[in-house]
Protein backbone atom coordinates (compact mmCIF):
# COMPACT_ATOMS: atom_id res chain seq x y z
CA MET A 1 0.00 0.00 0.00
CA LEU A 2 2.72 2.49 0.98
CA ARG A 3 4.70 1.68 -2.18
CA TYR A 4 1.61 2.33 -4.27
CA ILE A 5 0.96 5.69 -2.58
CA ALA A 6 4.61 6.69 -2.98
CA ARG A 7 4.49 5.75 -6.66
CA ARG A 8 1.40 7.89 -7.24
CA LEU A 9 2.95 10.84 -5.44
CA ILE A 10 6.11 10.57 -7.54
CA ILE A 11 4.02 10.57 -10.72
CA LEU A 12 2.49 13.84 -9.51
CA ILE A 13 5.77 15.72 -10.15
CA PRO A 14 5.97 15.28 -13.96
CA GLU A 15 2.21 15.71 -14.25
CA LEU A 16 2.42 19.07 -12.47
CA PHE A 17 5.30 20.12 -14.70
CA ILE A 18 3.58 19.19 -17.98
CA ILE A 19 0.14 20.61 -17.11
CA THR A 20 1.45 23.90 -15.71
CA LEU A 21 3.71 24.33 -18.74
CA ILE A 22 0.76 23.85 -21.13
CA VAL A 23 -1.41 26.31 -19.19
CA PHE A 24 1.44 28.82 -19.02
CA LEU A 25 2.01 28.66 -22.79
CA ILE A 26 -1.73 29.05 -23.49
CA MET A 27 -1.93 32.10 -21.24
CA GLN A 28 1.14 33.62 -22.89
CA ALA A 29 -0.31 32.99 -26.37
CA ALA A 30 -3.24 35.33 -25.67
CA PRO A 31 -2.89 38.84 -27.16
CA GLY A 32 -1.51 41.45 -24.77
CA ASP A 33 -0.38 40.67 -21.25
CA PHE A 34 -1.39 41.25 -17.66
CA LEU A 35 0.59 44.49 -17.38
CA ASP A 36 -1.56 46.26 -19.97
CA GLN A 37 -3.94 47.45 -17.23
CA TYR A 38 -0.96 49.07 -15.48
CA ARG A 39 0.29 50.69 -18.68
CA LEU A 40 -3.14 52.26 -19.21
CA ASP A 41 -3.36 53.46 -15.59
CA PRO A 42 -1.82 56.95 -15.27
CA SER A 43 -1.42 56.46 -11.50
CA VAL A 44 1.11 53.65 -12.03
CA SER A 45 4.63 54.81 -12.71
CA LYS A 46 6.80 53.39 -15.48
CA ASP A 47 9.47 52.56 -12.92
CA PHE A 48 7.01 50.30 -11.09
CA ILE A 49 6.09 48.52 -14.34
CA HIS A 50 9.77 48.13 -15.22
CA THR A 51 10.43 46.69 -11.73
CA LEU A 52 7.68 44.09 -12.22
CA GLU A 53 9.05 43.18 -15.64
CA LYS A 54 12.48 42.62 -14.14
CA GLN A 55 11.23 40.79 -11.05
CA TYR A 56 9.17 38.25 -12.96
CA GLY A 57 11.31 38.12 -16.09
CA LEU A 58 8.57 39.52 -18.32
CA ASP A 59 11.16 41.04 -20.64
CA GLN A 60 12.66 37.58 -21.21
CA PRO A 61 11.60 34.58 -23.36
CA VAL A 62 8.52 32.59 -22.32
CA MET A 63 10.42 29.51 -21.15
CA VAL A 64 12.71 31.67 -19.01
CA GLN A 65 9.62 33.21 -17.41
CA TYR A 66 8.16 29.77 -16.76
CA PHE A 67 11.26 28.38 -15.05
CA LYS A 68 11.61 31.60 -13.07
CA TRP A 69 8.07 31.06 -11.82
CA ILE A 70 8.81 27.39 -11.03
CA LYS A 71 11.84 28.47 -9.01
CA GLY A 72 9.61 30.82 -7.02
CA VAL A 73 7.02 28.07 -6.43
CA LEU A 74 9.69 25.83 -4.91
CA THR A 75 10.42 28.57 -2.38
CA GLY A 76 6.74 29.22 -1.59
CA ASP A 77 6.34 32.26 -3.88
CA LEU A 78 3.38 31.65 -6.23
CA GLY A 79 3.80 35.02 -7.89
CA TYR A 80 2.10 38.40 -7.79
CA SER A 81 -1.51 39.20 -8.72
CA PHE A 82 -1.36 42.16 -11.10
CA TYR A 83 -5.11 42.68 -10.95
CA TYR A 84 -5.43 42.68 -7.15
CA ARG A 85 -1.89 44.02 -6.64
CA ARG A 86 -1.16 41.49 -3.92
CA PRO A 87 0.86 38.25 -3.56
CA VAL A 88 -1.02 35.24 -4.91
CA VAL A 89 -0.45 33.25 -1.69
CA GLU A 90 -2.44 35.81 0.29
CA LEU A 91 -5.32 35.80 -2.22
CA ILE A 92 -5.54 32.01 -2.35
CA GLY A 93 -5.40 31.78 1.44
CA GLU A 94 -8.33 34.19 1.82
CA ARG A 95 -10.54 32.47 -0.76
CA VAL A 96 -9.85 28.79 -0.02
CA LEU A 97 -11.77 28.74 3.26
CA ALA A 98 -14.92 30.22 1.69
CA THR A 99 -14.87 27.67 -1.14
CA LEU A 100 -14.22 24.78 1.25
CA ILE A 101 -17.13 25.76 3.48
CA LEU A 102 -19.55 25.89 0.55
CA SER A 103 -18.20 22.85 -1.31
CA LEU A 104 -17.90 20.54 1.71
CA TYR A 105 -21.38 21.43 2.91
CA SER A 106 -23.00 20.68 -0.46
CA PHE A 107 -20.71 17.67 -1.02
CA VAL A 108 -21.69 15.94 2.23
CA ILE A 109 -25.41 16.62 1.78
CA SER A 110 -25.49 15.51 -1.87
CA TRP A 111 -23.70 12.23 -1.10
CA ILE A 112 -25.78 11.36 1.96
CA VAL A 113 -29.09 12.23 0.31
CA GLY A 114 -28.12 10.74 -3.06
CA VAL A 115 -27.03 7.37 -1.69
CA ILE A 116 -29.97 7.01 0.70
CA LEU A 117 -32.59 7.97 -1.89
CA GLY A 118 -30.89 5.74 -4.47
CA VAL A 119 -31.21 2.75 -2.15
CA VAL A 120 -34.85 3.60 -1.40
CA SER A 121 -35.61 3.97 -5.10
CA ALA A 122 -34.01 0.59 -5.90
CA LEU A 123 -35.80 -1.25 -3.09
CA LYS A 124 -39.15 0.32 -4.06
CA LYS A 125 -38.70 -0.39 -7.78
CA TYR A 126 -41.61 0.74 -9.97
CA SER A 127 -43.61 1.94 -6.94
CA PHE A 128 -44.99 5.45 -6.51
CA TRP A 129 -41.93 6.51 -4.52
CA ASP A 130 -39.57 5.19 -7.17
CA LYS A 131 -41.37 7.15 -9.88
CA PHE A 132 -41.52 10.26 -7.71
CA LEU A 133 -37.79 10.13 -6.94
CA THR A 134 -37.05 9.43 -10.61
CA VAL A 135 -38.87 12.63 -11.62
CA ILE A 136 -36.88 14.62 -9.06
CA ALA A 137 -33.62 13.04 -10.23
CA PHE A 138 -34.23 13.74 -13.92
CA THR A 139 -35.26 17.30 -13.05
CA GLY A 140 -32.02 17.84 -11.15
CA ILE A 141 -29.95 16.37 -13.96
CA ALA A 142 -31.74 18.31 -16.71
CA ILE A 143 -31.76 21.81 -15.17
CA PRO A 144 -28.48 23.67 -15.84
CA GLY A 145 -26.77 24.86 -12.69
CA PHE A 146 -26.60 28.49 -13.79
CA PHE A 147 -30.34 28.53 -14.63
CA LEU A 148 -31.25 27.08 -11.24
CA ALA A 149 -28.99 29.64 -9.57
CA LEU A 150 -30.72 32.50 -11.43
CA LEU A 151 -34.15 31.15 -10.44
CA LEU A 152 -33.11 30.99 -6.79
CA LEU A 153 -31.62 34.47 -7.02
CA TYR A 154 -34.90 35.79 -8.43
CA PHE A 155 -36.83 34.00 -5.68
CA ALA A 156 -34.61 35.51 -2.98
CA ALA A 157 -34.90 39.00 -4.46
CA LYS A 158 -38.71 38.81 -4.67
CA THR A 159 -39.42 37.22 -1.30
CA GLY A 160 -36.51 38.48 0.80
CA THR A 161 -36.37 35.07 2.47
CA PHE A 162 -32.68 34.51 1.75
CA PRO A 163 -29.74 36.87 1.15
CA VAL A 164 -29.23 37.48 -2.57
CA ALA A 165 -25.43 37.66 -2.60
CA GLY A 166 -22.23 37.48 -0.62
CA MET A 167 -21.09 35.45 2.35
CA TYR A 168 -21.61 37.95 5.19
CA ASP A 169 -24.06 40.56 6.35
CA VAL A 170 -22.81 44.15 6.48
CA ASN A 171 -22.88 43.97 10.29
CA HIS A 172 -21.05 40.64 10.48
CA SER A 173 -18.03 42.10 12.30
CA LYS A 174 -20.28 43.26 15.15
CA MET A 175 -21.93 39.86 15.66
CA THR A 176 -21.12 37.26 18.30
CA VAL A 177 -19.55 33.96 17.26
CA TRP A 178 -22.91 32.18 17.21
CA GLN A 179 -24.60 35.01 15.30
CA GLY A 180 -21.72 35.06 12.81
CA PHE A 181 -22.07 31.31 12.28
CA LYS A 182 -25.81 31.66 11.63
CA ASP A 183 -25.15 34.57 9.26
CA ILE A 184 -22.72 32.56 7.11
CA PHE A 185 -24.96 29.49 7.26
CA TRP A 186 -27.98 31.48 6.05
CA HIS A 187 -26.02 33.12 3.21
CA MET A 188 -24.80 29.69 2.14
CA GLN A 189 -28.18 28.03 1.60
CA LEU A 190 -28.98 29.12 -1.96
CA PRO A 191 -25.53 28.46 -3.51
CA ALA A 192 -25.33 25.17 -1.59
CA PHE A 193 -28.76 24.10 -2.86
CA THR A 194 -27.66 24.91 -6.42
CA LEU A 195 -24.61 22.66 -6.08
CA THR A 196 -26.45 19.93 -4.18
CA PHE A 197 -29.53 19.54 -6.39
CA GLY A 198 -27.72 18.39 -9.51
CA GLY A 199 -25.14 16.42 -7.53
CA PHE A 200 -27.48 14.26 -5.48
CA ALA A 201 -29.75 13.64 -8.50
CA GLY A 202 -26.97 12.00 -10.47
CA LEU A 203 -25.73 10.02 -7.48
CA MET A 204 -29.23 8.75 -6.76
CA ARG A 205 -29.60 7.36 -10.28
CA TYR A 206 -26.16 5.73 -10.15
CA MET A 207 -26.92 4.15 -6.78
CA ARG A 208 -30.30 2.90 -7.92
CA GLY A 209 -28.96 1.32 -11.12
CA SER A 210 -25.94 -0.22 -9.42
CA LEU A 211 -28.00 -1.74 -6.59
CA LEU A 212 -30.63 -3.14 -8.98
CA ASP A 213 -27.88 -4.84 -11.00
CA VAL A 214 -26.40 -6.44 -7.89
CA LEU A 215 -29.79 -7.58 -6.54
CA ASN A 216 -30.22 -9.72 -9.67
CA GLU A 217 -26.92 -11.55 -9.13
CA ASP A 218 -26.90 -15.27 -8.25
CA TYR A 219 -25.09 -14.85 -4.93
CA VAL A 220 -27.86 -12.52 -3.70
CA GLU A 221 -30.50 -15.09 -4.59
CA PHE A 222 -28.38 -17.75 -2.88
CA ALA A 223 -28.17 -15.63 0.29
CA ARG A 224 -31.93 -15.28 0.30
CA ALA A 225 -32.36 -19.02 -0.30
CA LYS A 226 -30.24 -19.69 2.80
CA GLY A 227 -32.85 -17.84 4.83
CA MET A 228 -30.82 -14.72 5.62
CA PRO A 229 -32.88 -11.69 6.69
CA GLU A 230 -33.54 -9.25 3.85
CA ARG A 231 -31.75 -6.50 5.76
CA VAL A 232 -28.57 -8.59 5.91
CA VAL A 233 -28.83 -9.57 2.25
CA ILE A 234 -29.15 -5.97 1.11
CA PHE A 235 -26.83 -4.05 3.42
CA LYS A 236 -24.14 -6.67 4.02
CA HIS A 237 -23.93 -8.45 0.66
CA ALA A 238 -25.57 -6.36 -2.06
CA MET A 239 -24.52 -2.88 -0.91
CA ARG A 240 -20.84 -3.77 -0.58
CA ASN A 241 -20.67 -4.50 -4.31
CA ALA A 242 -23.17 -1.87 -5.45
CA ILE A 243 -21.19 0.91 -3.81
CA ASN A 244 -18.00 0.26 -5.83
CA PRO A 245 -18.83 2.50 -8.84
CA LEU A 246 -19.78 5.32 -6.47
CA ILE A 247 -16.47 5.08 -4.63
CA THR A 248 -14.71 5.75 -7.94
CA MET A 249 -16.98 8.77 -8.44
CA PHE A 250 -16.22 9.84 -4.87
CA GLY A 251 -12.54 10.25 -5.76
CA PHE A 252 -13.33 12.42 -8.79
CA SER A 253 -15.78 14.48 -6.72
CA LEU A 254 -13.08 15.25 -4.16
CA SER A 255 -10.93 16.75 -6.90
CA SER A 256 -13.57 19.40 -7.66
CA LEU A 257 -13.99 20.63 -4.08
CA LEU A 258 -11.85 23.73 -4.64
CA GLY A 259 -12.77 24.53 -8.23
CA GLY A 260 -16.14 23.06 -9.07
CA ALA A 261 -18.32 26.03 -8.12
CA VAL A 262 -17.11 28.77 -10.48
CA ILE A 263 -20.52 29.63 -11.98
CA THR A 264 -22.37 29.35 -8.68
CA GLU A 265 -19.84 31.52 -6.84
CA THR A 266 -19.99 34.12 -9.60
CA ILE A 267 -23.80 34.34 -9.68
CA PHE A 268 -24.18 34.53 -5.90
CA SER A 269 -21.06 36.72 -5.45
CA TRP A 270 -19.62 34.13 -3.09
CA PRO A 271 -16.00 35.17 -2.33
CA GLY A 272 -14.50 31.82 -3.20
CA LEU A 273 -11.62 30.45 -5.21
CA GLY A 274 -13.68 29.68 -8.31
CA ARG A 275 -14.78 33.28 -8.69
CA LEU A 276 -11.22 34.46 -8.13
CA VAL A 277 -9.90 32.19 -10.92
CA TYR A 278 -12.64 33.32 -13.31
CA GLN A 279 -11.73 36.96 -12.76
CA ALA A 280 -8.05 36.10 -13.17
CA LEU A 281 -8.74 34.46 -16.54
CA VAL A 282 -10.67 37.49 -17.74
CA GLN A 283 -7.92 39.87 -16.60
CA GLN A 284 -5.07 37.60 -17.80
CA ASP A 285 -3.75 37.49 -14.25
CA ILE A 286 -1.47 34.62 -15.13
CA TYR A 287 0.04 33.76 -11.75
CA VAL A 288 -3.36 33.41 -10.08
CA VAL A 289 -4.38 31.03 -12.88
CA MET A 290 -1.15 29.08 -12.50
CA ALA A 291 -1.63 28.75 -8.73
CA SER A 292 -5.16 27.46 -9.25
CA THR A 293 -3.81 24.97 -11.80
CA ILE A 294 -1.39 23.56 -9.22
CA ILE A 295 -4.22 23.23 -6.68
CA SER A 296 -6.50 21.53 -9.24
CA VAL A 297 -3.87 19.00 -10.29
CA ILE A 298 -2.98 18.13 -6.69
CA MET A 299 -6.67 17.76 -5.78
CA LEU A 300 -7.28 15.55 -8.82
CA ILE A 301 -4.40 13.22 -8.02
CA ALA A 302 -5.28 13.14 -4.30
CA GLY A 303 -8.96 12.50 -5.04
CA ASN A 304 -8.21 9.60 -7.37
CA LEU A 305 -5.72 8.20 -4.88
CA VAL A 306 -8.30 8.32 -2.06
CA GLY A 307 -10.86 6.68 -4.35
CA ASP A 308 -8.48 3.83 -5.23
CA ILE A 309 -7.57 3.24 -1.58
CA LEU A 310 -11.22 3.20 -0.50
CA LEU A 311 -12.09 0.86 -3.36
CA ALA A 312 -9.36 -1.56 -2.29
CA ALA A 313 -10.57 -1.37 1.32
CA VAL A 314 -14.17 -2.14 0.37
CA ASP A 315 -13.56 -4.77 -2.33
CA PRO A 316 -11.12 -7.55 -1.30
CA ARG A 317 -10.75 -8.56 -4.96
CA ILE A 318 -8.80 -5.39 -5.70
CA ARG A 319 -5.11 -5.21 -4.86
CA LEU A 320 -3.04 -2.07 -5.21
CA GLU A 321 0.36 -3.73 -5.26
């Protein structure tokens, strides 16, 4: 197991190098550069622009710039945000917590609700509840996330039931700890529902189909023929095999925790990492984009690694060595 994990972590190094190089070249291929906004700003001196060009090697060839940035990454310097005029490390640190709060909340709810309702739908096959849950699932899968977010935003604006944007109230700094927690929790409901609705709908259909396939297997019929209680047959024998495809999906889902809510964060003005990266792409703020690329690659590798380990733990037929 440890050898397998070490092997996967070693593979991460060339993957990071190749992916960041491709993203860097694509960003550099775009017309203009990220200092154009400074050149057009009369309040920014030419000496300051020249200092930035020297510091980050912007007056040198593209590959020299890339390796200069890599050298900074190895020392903990992810670069400078030319749009926000701050170090990238500070920006990422401020936004990561907001994205994690929103993503983890919707992630946990969508997986719990999706798996439970998928099992219920499979066990009540072709009943009223199965058909009802199927309609909900297809609705969640069919409605685009941005359209659902706009509908919820319209609902909040018309009724005043939920905050329409942001993460905090204007008086958040004056609140107690408990009041501050309730404030963030209340602001989080609409963006979290947007992320959860489509997520749990897909998981429910996967769980239902996987469990129905397993329930038709010979070993399940044999367990029933031995007189085992139905609860034992389903949750001890059938579920252990039906859950395998979802564990693989679980690993991929983990990889999107820090970057899978770009549209939702933008619509609801949630101060998260996804919104930051979107603005960086628009402004050609290359070092913010590069930092987000590193985070995305690491999360993808880590998510897949966790999924493989969990799959091996659940299914004794799978060996990682």
